[in-house]
Amino acid sequence: MTHLAFVAVAYALGVGVPLAFALTAWQRAAAARRKLAAIDPRGQRP
């Protein structure tokens, strides 16, 4: 029996989980920017 399946799943999780966290963080930051733009009377900051 080979451990290839377990190793492949471990690598997939090792890449997939941080990628999912990064994508979620990017989406949350974009939403926060939109909310700030809606309430900030000064508009876009440089």
PDB file of N, CA and C in Angstrom:
ATOM      1  N   MET A   1       0.840  -1.193   0.000  1.00  0.00           N
ATOM      2  CA  MET A   1       0.000   0.000   0.000  1.00  0.00           C
ATOM      3  C   MET A   1       0.879   1.248   0.000  1.00  0.00           C
ATOM      4  N   THR A   2       0.482   2.176  -0.800  1.00  0.00           N
ATOM      5  CA  THR A   2       1.246   3.424  -0.899  1.00  0.00           C
ATOM      6  C   THR A   2       0.555   4.536  -0.114  1.00  0.00           C
ATOM      7  N   HIS A   3       1.329   5.456   0.321  1.00  0.00           N
ATOM      8  CA  HIS A   3       0.801   6.584   1.097  1.00  0.00           C
ATOM      9  C   HIS A   3       0.577   7.805   0.210  1.00  0.00           C
ATOM     10  N   LEU A   4       0.558   7.586  -1.074  1.00  0.00           N
ATOM     11  CA  LEU A   4       0.431   8.692  -2.019  1.00  0.00           C
ATOM     12  C   LEU A   4      -0.841   9.506  -1.797  1.00  0.00           C
ATOM     13  N   ALA A   5      -1.939   8.838  -1.521  1.00  0.00           N
ATOM     14  CA  ALA A   5      -3.197   9.558  -1.322  1.00  0.00           C
ATOM     15  C   ALA A   5      -3.117  10.473  -0.102  1.00  0.00           C
ATOM     16  N   PHE A   6      -2.548   9.979   0.975  1.00  0.00           N
ATOM     17  CA  PHE A   6      -2.426  10.794   2.184  1.00  0.00           C
ATOM     18  C   PHE A   6      -1.495  11.973   1.965  1.00  0.00           C
ATOM     19  N   VAL A   7      -0.417  11.746   1.277  1.00  0.00           N
ATOM     20  CA  VAL A   7       0.532  12.823   0.986  1.00  0.00           C
ATOM     21  C   VAL A   7      -0.109  13.861   0.070  1.00  0.00           C
ATOM     22  N   ALA A   8      -0.846  13.403  -0.926  1.00  0.00           N
ATOM     23  CA  ALA A   8      -1.508  14.328  -1.847  1.00  0.00           C
ATOM     24  C   ALA A   8      -2.545  15.177  -1.116  1.00  0.00           C
ATOM     25  N   VAL A   9      -3.312  14.563  -0.229  1.00  0.00           N
ATOM     26  CA  VAL A   9      -4.306  15.311   0.537  1.00  0.00           C
ATOM     27  C   VAL A   9      -3.619  16.317   1.461  1.00  0.00           C
ATOM     28  N   ALA A  10      -2.521  15.915   2.076  1.00  0.00           N
ATOM     29  CA  ALA A  10      -1.794  16.820   2.966  1.00  0.00           C
ATOM     30  C   ALA A  10      -1.267  18.033   2.196  1.00  0.00           C
ATOM     31  N   TYR A  11      -0.711  17.813   1.025  1.00  0.00           N
ATOM     32  CA  TYR A  11      -0.227  18.929   0.213  1.00  0.00           C
ATOM     33  C   TYR A  11      -1.386  19.810  -0.255  1.00  0.00           C
ATOM     34  N   ALA A  12      -2.500  19.186  -0.645  1.00  0.00           N
ATOM     35  CA  ALA A  12      -3.663  19.961  -1.088  1.00  0.00           C
ATOM     36  C   ALA A  12      -4.186  20.829   0.046  1.00  0.00           C
ATOM     37  N   LEU A  13      -4.257  20.281   1.251  1.00  0.00           N
ATOM     38  CA  LEU A  13      -4.694  21.073   2.398  1.00  0.00           C
ATOM     39  C   LEU A  13      -3.665  22.149   2.737  1.00  0.00           C
ATOM     40  N   GLY A  14      -2.399  21.829   2.615  1.00  0.00           N
ATOM     41  CA  GLY A  14      -1.333  22.783   2.912  1.00  0.00           C
ATOM     42  C   GLY A  14      -1.345  23.970   1.980  1.00  0.00           C
ATOM     43  N   VAL A  15      -1.815  23.788   0.777  1.00  0.00           N
ATOM     44  CA  VAL A  15      -1.920  24.893  -0.174  1.00  0.00           C
ATOM     45  C   VAL A  15      -3.315  25.503  -0.128  1.00  0.00           C
ATOM     46  N   GLY A  16      -4.331  24.660  -0.022  1.00  0.00           N
ATOM     47  CA  GLY A  16      -5.710  25.126  -0.104  1.00  0.00           C
ATOM     48  C   GLY A  16      -6.168  25.952   1.076  1.00  0.00           C
ATOM     49  N   VAL A  17      -5.818  25.544   2.280  1.00  0.00           N
ATOM     50  CA  VAL A  17      -6.281  26.268   3.470  1.00  0.00           C
ATOM     51  C   VAL A  17      -5.694  27.682   3.535  1.00  0.00           C
ATOM     52  N   PRO A  18      -4.387  27.866   3.388  1.00  0.00           N
ATOM     53  CA  PRO A  18      -3.864  29.240   3.377  1.00  0.00           C
ATOM     54  C   PRO A  18      -4.416  30.072   2.214  1.00  0.00           C
ATOM     55  N   LEU A  19      -4.640  29.433   1.076  1.00  0.00           N
ATOM     56  CA  LEU A  19      -5.219  30.146  -0.058  1.00  0.00           C
ATOM     57  C   LEU A  19      -6.640  30.598   0.260  1.00  0.00           C
ATOM     58  N   ALA A  20      -7.409  29.734   0.904  1.00  0.00           N
ATOM     59  CA  ALA A  20      -8.776  30.105   1.303  1.00  0.00           C
ATOM     60  C   ALA A  20      -8.753  31.238   2.323  1.00  0.00           C
ATOM     61  N   PHE A  21      -7.823  31.176   3.288  1.00  0.00           N
ATOM     62  CA  PHE A  21      -7.697  32.257   4.263  1.00  0.00           C
ATOM     63  C   PHE A  21      -7.340  33.571   3.584  1.00  0.00           C
ATOM     64  N   ALA A  22      -6.418  33.525   2.632  1.00  0.00           N
ATOM     65  CA  ALA A  22      -6.003  34.734   1.920  1.00  0.00           C
ATOM     66  C   ALA A  22      -7.156  35.307   1.111  1.00  0.00           C
ATOM     67  N   LEU A  23      -7.912  34.453   0.443  1.00  0.00           N
ATOM     68  CA  LEU A  23      -9.046  34.915  -0.345  1.00  0.00           C
ATOM     69  C   LEU A  23     -10.107  35.542   0.548  1.00  0.00           C
ATOM     70  N   THR A  24     -10.377  34.932   1.684  1.00  0.00           N
ATOM     71  CA  THR A  24     -11.354  35.478   2.617  1.00  0.00           C
ATOM     72  C   THR A  24     -10.885  36.822   3.168  1.00  0.00           C
ATOM     73  N   ALA A  25      -9.609  36.924   3.505  1.00  0.00           N
ATOM     74  CA  ALA A  25      -9.071  38.188   4.010  1.00  0.00           C
ATOM     75  C   ALA A  25      -9.168  39.282   2.957  1.00  0.00           C
ATOM     76  N   TRP A  26      -8.890  38.939   1.715  1.00  0.00           N
ATOM     77  CA  TRP A  26      -8.975  39.917   0.627  1.00  0.00           C
ATOM     78  C   TRP A  26     -10.414  40.392   0.449  1.00  0.00           C
ATOM     79  N   GLN A  27     -11.369  39.465   0.504  1.00  0.00           N
ATOM     80  CA  GLN A  27     -12.778  39.840   0.363  1.00  0.00           C
ATOM     81  C   GLN A  27     -13.243  40.711   1.524  1.00  0.00           C
ATOM     82  N   ARG A  28     -12.815  40.391   2.733  1.00  0.00           N
ATOM     83  CA  ARG A  28     -13.212  41.180   3.899  1.00  0.00           C
ATOM     84  C   ARG A  28     -12.598  42.578   3.840  1.00  0.00           C
ATOM     85  N   ALA A  29     -11.364  42.686   3.385  1.00  0.00           N
ATOM     86  CA  ALA A  29     -10.723  43.993   3.260  1.00  0.00           C
ATOM     87  C   ALA A  29     -11.423  44.838   2.198  1.00  0.00           C
ATOM     88  N   ALA A  30     -11.828  44.219   1.106  1.00  0.00           N
ATOM     89  CA  ALA A  30     -12.549  44.950   0.066  1.00  0.00           C
ATOM     90  C   ALA A  30     -13.894  45.451   0.586  1.00  0.00           C
ATOM     91  N   ALA A  31     -14.574  44.618   1.364  1.00  0.00           N
ATOM     92  CA  ALA A  31     -15.858  45.033   1.935  1.00  0.00           C
ATOM     93  C   ALA A  31     -15.659  46.179   2.918  1.00  0.00           C
ATOM     94  N   ALA A  32     -14.596  46.112   3.712  1.00  0.00           N
ATOM     95  CA  ALA A  32     -14.310  47.186   4.668  1.00  0.00           C
ATOM     96  C   ALA A  32     -13.988  48.484   3.937  1.00  0.00           C
ATOM     97  N   ARG A  33     -13.251  48.397   2.825  1.00  0.00           N
ATOM     98  CA  ARG A  33     -12.954  49.587   2.029  1.00  0.00           C
ATOM     99  C   ARG A  33     -14.226  50.211   1.471  1.00  0.00           C
ATOM    100  N   ARG A  34     -15.144  49.363   0.997  1.00  0.00           N
ATOM    101  CA  ARG A  34     -16.410  49.882   0.473  1.00  0.00           C
ATOM    102  C   ARG A  34     -17.221  50.556   1.571  1.00  0.00           C
ATOM    103  N   LYS A  35     -17.264  49.958   2.754  1.00  0.00           N
ATOM    104  CA  LYS A  35     -18.001  50.562   3.865  1.00  0.00           C
ATOM    105  C   LYS A  35     -17.379  51.895   4.270  1.00  0.00           C
ATOM    106  N   LEU A  36     -16.052  51.943   4.323  1.00  0.00           N
ATOM    107  CA  LEU A  36     -15.375  53.179   4.679  1.00  0.00           C
ATOM    108  C   LEU A  36     -15.638  54.254   3.633  1.00  0.00           C
ATOM    109  N   ALA A  37     -15.627  53.886   2.376  1.00  0.00           N
ATOM    110  CA  ALA A  37     -15.885  54.862   1.313  1.00  0.00           C
ATOM    111  C   ALA A  37     -17.306  55.405   1.417  1.00  0.00           C
ATOM    112  N   ALA A  38     -18.229  54.590   1.903  1.00  0.00           N
ATOM    113  CA  ALA A  38     -19.617  55.040   2.014  1.00  0.00           C
ATOM    114  C   ALA A  38     -19.805  56.031   3.158  1.00  0.00           C
ATOM    115  N   ILE A  39     -18.994  55.921   4.210  1.00  0.00           N
ATOM    116  CA  ILE A  39     -19.203  56.794   5.368  1.00  0.00           C
ATOM    117  C   ILE A  39     -18.163  57.894   5.503  1.00  0.00           C
ATOM    118  N   ASP A  40     -17.090  57.843   4.740  1.00  0.00           N
ATOM    119  CA  ASP A  40     -16.020  58.839   4.847  1.00  0.00           C
ATOM    120  C   ASP A  40     -16.343  60.025   3.950  1.00  0.00           C
ATOM    121  N   PRO A  41     -16.583  61.198   4.534  1.00  0.00           N
ATOM    122  CA  PRO A  41     -16.944  62.361   3.703  1.00  0.00           C
ATOM    123  C   PRO A  41     -15.788  62.894   2.867  1.00  0.00           C
ATOM    124  N   ARG A  42     -14.565  62.499   3.181  1.00  0.00           N
ATOM    125  CA  ARG A  42     -13.411  63.008   2.439  1.00  0.00           C
ATOM    126  C   ARG A  42     -13.165  62.253   1.148  1.00  0.00           C
ATOM    127  N   GLY A  43     -13.830  61.173   0.941  1.00  0.00           N
ATOM    128  CA  GLY A  43     -13.667  60.413  -0.295  1.00  0.00           C
ATOM    129  C   GLY A  43     -12.426  59.544  -0.268  1.00  0.00           C
ATOM    130  N   GLN A  44     -11.879  59.298  -1.450  1.00  0.00           N
ATOM    131  CA  GLN A  44     -10.705  58.423  -1.569  1.00  0.00           C
ATOM    132  C   GLN A  44      -9.466  59.100  -1.032  1.00  0.00           C
ATOM    133  N   ARG A  45      -8.702  58.322  -0.288  1.00  0.00           N
ATOM    134  CA  ARG A  45      -7.427  58.821   0.235  1.00  0.00           C
ATOM    135  C   ARG A  45      -6.311  58.342  -0.679  1.00  0.00           C
ATOM    136  N   PRO A  46      -5.266  59.146  -0.808  1.00  0.00           N
ATOM    137  CA  PRO A  46      -4.154  58.729  -1.688  1.00  0.00           C
ATOM    138  C   PRO A  46      -3.364  57.586  -1.098  1.00  0.00           C
TER     139      PRO A  46
END
